[in-house]
């Protein structure tokens, strides 16, 4: 699973929902943004260069190099479960 920006992926398991992605918030990457010559403004998670509420995006090229398209990757093992329903997967931690 890979993501950028504020897209989210969740998987349902027998133990409940498991979040697979992280939001790319500017405050979490403020050091990288400043090193590239940008800034983070606003309260809370902030905005990249006072405009965008994420620090990674597949678009928004006008904010490059402050907003990058490098994705976060999450890898989880899935195993088939023997049930009456076909193609059921179970998440192992």
Protein backbone atom coordinates (compact mmCIF):
# COMPACT_ATOMS: atom_id res chain seq x y z
CA UNK A 1 0.00 0.00 0.00
CA UNK A 2 1.36 3.44 -0.86
CA UNK A 3 -0.09 6.88 -0.32
CA UNK A 4 0.60 10.59 -0.50
CA UNK A 5 -1.28 13.59 0.85
CA UNK A 6 -4.41 12.99 2.86
CA UNK A 7 -5.66 9.86 1.10
CA UNK A 8 -6.42 7.06 3.54
CA UNK A 9 -6.65 3.29 3.40
CA UNK A 10 -8.11 1.09 6.12
CA UNK A 11 -8.47 -2.68 6.22
CA UNK A 12 -11.03 -4.58 8.24
CA UNK A 13 -9.72 -7.49 10.31
CA UNK A 14 -11.22 -9.85 12.84
CA UNK A 15 -9.85 -7.52 15.53
CA UNK A 16 -11.34 -4.37 13.97
CA UNK A 17 -10.23 -1.68 11.55
CA UNK A 18 -6.50 -1.13 10.96
CA UNK A 19 -5.24 2.10 9.44
CA UNK A 20 -2.70 1.40 6.68
CA UNK A 21 -1.71 4.94 5.74
CA UNK A 22 -0.51 8.16 7.34
CA UNK A 23 -1.55 11.70 6.48
CA UNK A 24 1.31 13.79 5.10
CA UNK A 25 0.91 16.88 7.27
CA UNK A 26 3.26 19.87 6.88
CA UNK A 27 4.16 20.14 10.61
CA UNK A 28 5.41 16.54 10.56
CA UNK A 29 7.84 17.46 7.75
CA UNK A 30 8.58 21.05 8.66
CA UNK A 31 12.35 20.50 8.80
CA UNK A 32 12.42 19.08 5.25
CA UNK A 33 10.19 21.87 3.92
CA UNK A 34 12.36 24.59 5.53
CA UNK A 35 15.55 22.95 4.22
CA UNK A 36 14.07 23.22 0.71
CA UNK A 37 13.46 26.96 1.25
CA UNK A 38 9.75 26.80 2.12
CA UNK A 39 7.77 27.45 5.29
CA UNK A 40 4.88 26.03 7.28
CA UNK A 41 2.24 28.47 8.51
CA UNK A 42 -1.00 28.31 10.46
CA UNK A 43 -2.21 26.47 13.52
CA UNK A 44 -2.47 22.74 14.04
CA UNK A 45 -0.86 20.70 11.26
CA UNK A 46 -0.11 23.86 9.26
CA UNK A 47 -0.01 24.66 5.57
CA UNK A 48 2.93 24.29 3.20
CA UNK A 49 3.95 27.79 2.09
CA UNK A 50 0.68 29.05 3.57
CA UNK A 51 -1.36 27.24 0.91
CA UNK A 52 -1.56 23.45 0.94
CA UNK A 53 -2.64 21.36 3.96
CA UNK A 54 -0.40 18.42 2.95
CA UNK A 55 3.35 18.01 2.50
CA UNK A 56 3.23 15.32 -0.20
CA UNK A 57 1.10 15.28 -3.33
CA UNK A 58 0.97 13.77 -6.82
CA UNK A 59 0.03 17.19 -8.22
CA UNK A 60 0.51 20.75 -6.98
CA UNK A 61 3.70 21.14 -9.00
CA UNK A 62 3.78 24.89 -8.36
CA UNK A 63 4.83 24.09 -4.76
CA UNK A 64 7.73 21.83 -5.72
CA UNK A 65 10.28 21.28 -4.04
CA UNK A 66 8.39 22.01 -0.80
CA UNK A 67 5.64 19.50 -1.64
CA UNK A 68 7.10 16.24 -2.93
CA UNK A 69 5.53 13.17 -4.54
CA UNK A 70 7.59 10.61 -2.62
CA UNK A 71 5.13 8.08 -1.20
CA UNK A 72 4.93 6.26 2.12
CA UNK A 73 4.83 2.47 1.83
CA UNK A 74 3.20 0.04 4.26
CA UNK A 75 3.57 -3.69 3.86
CA UNK A 76 1.38 -6.22 5.66
CA UNK A 77 1.12 -9.98 5.23
CA UNK A 78 -2.26 -11.31 4.19
CA UNK A 79 -3.28 -14.95 4.52
CA UNK A 80 -6.31 -16.79 3.25
CA UNK A 81 -8.84 -17.90 5.86
CA UNK A 82 -10.91 -21.03 5.49
CA UNK A 83 -14.55 -19.93 5.66
CA UNK A 84 -17.75 -20.38 3.73
CA UNK A 85 -17.06 -17.10 1.94
CA UNK A 86 -14.48 -17.24 -0.84
CA UNK A 87 -11.54 -14.86 -1.15
CA UNK A 88 -11.59 -13.76 2.49
CA UNK A 89 -8.23 -12.44 3.68
CA UNK A 90 -6.95 -12.05 7.22
CA UNK A 91 -4.33 -9.52 8.30
CA UNK A 92 -1.45 -10.86 10.42
CA UNK A 93 0.66 -8.50 12.55
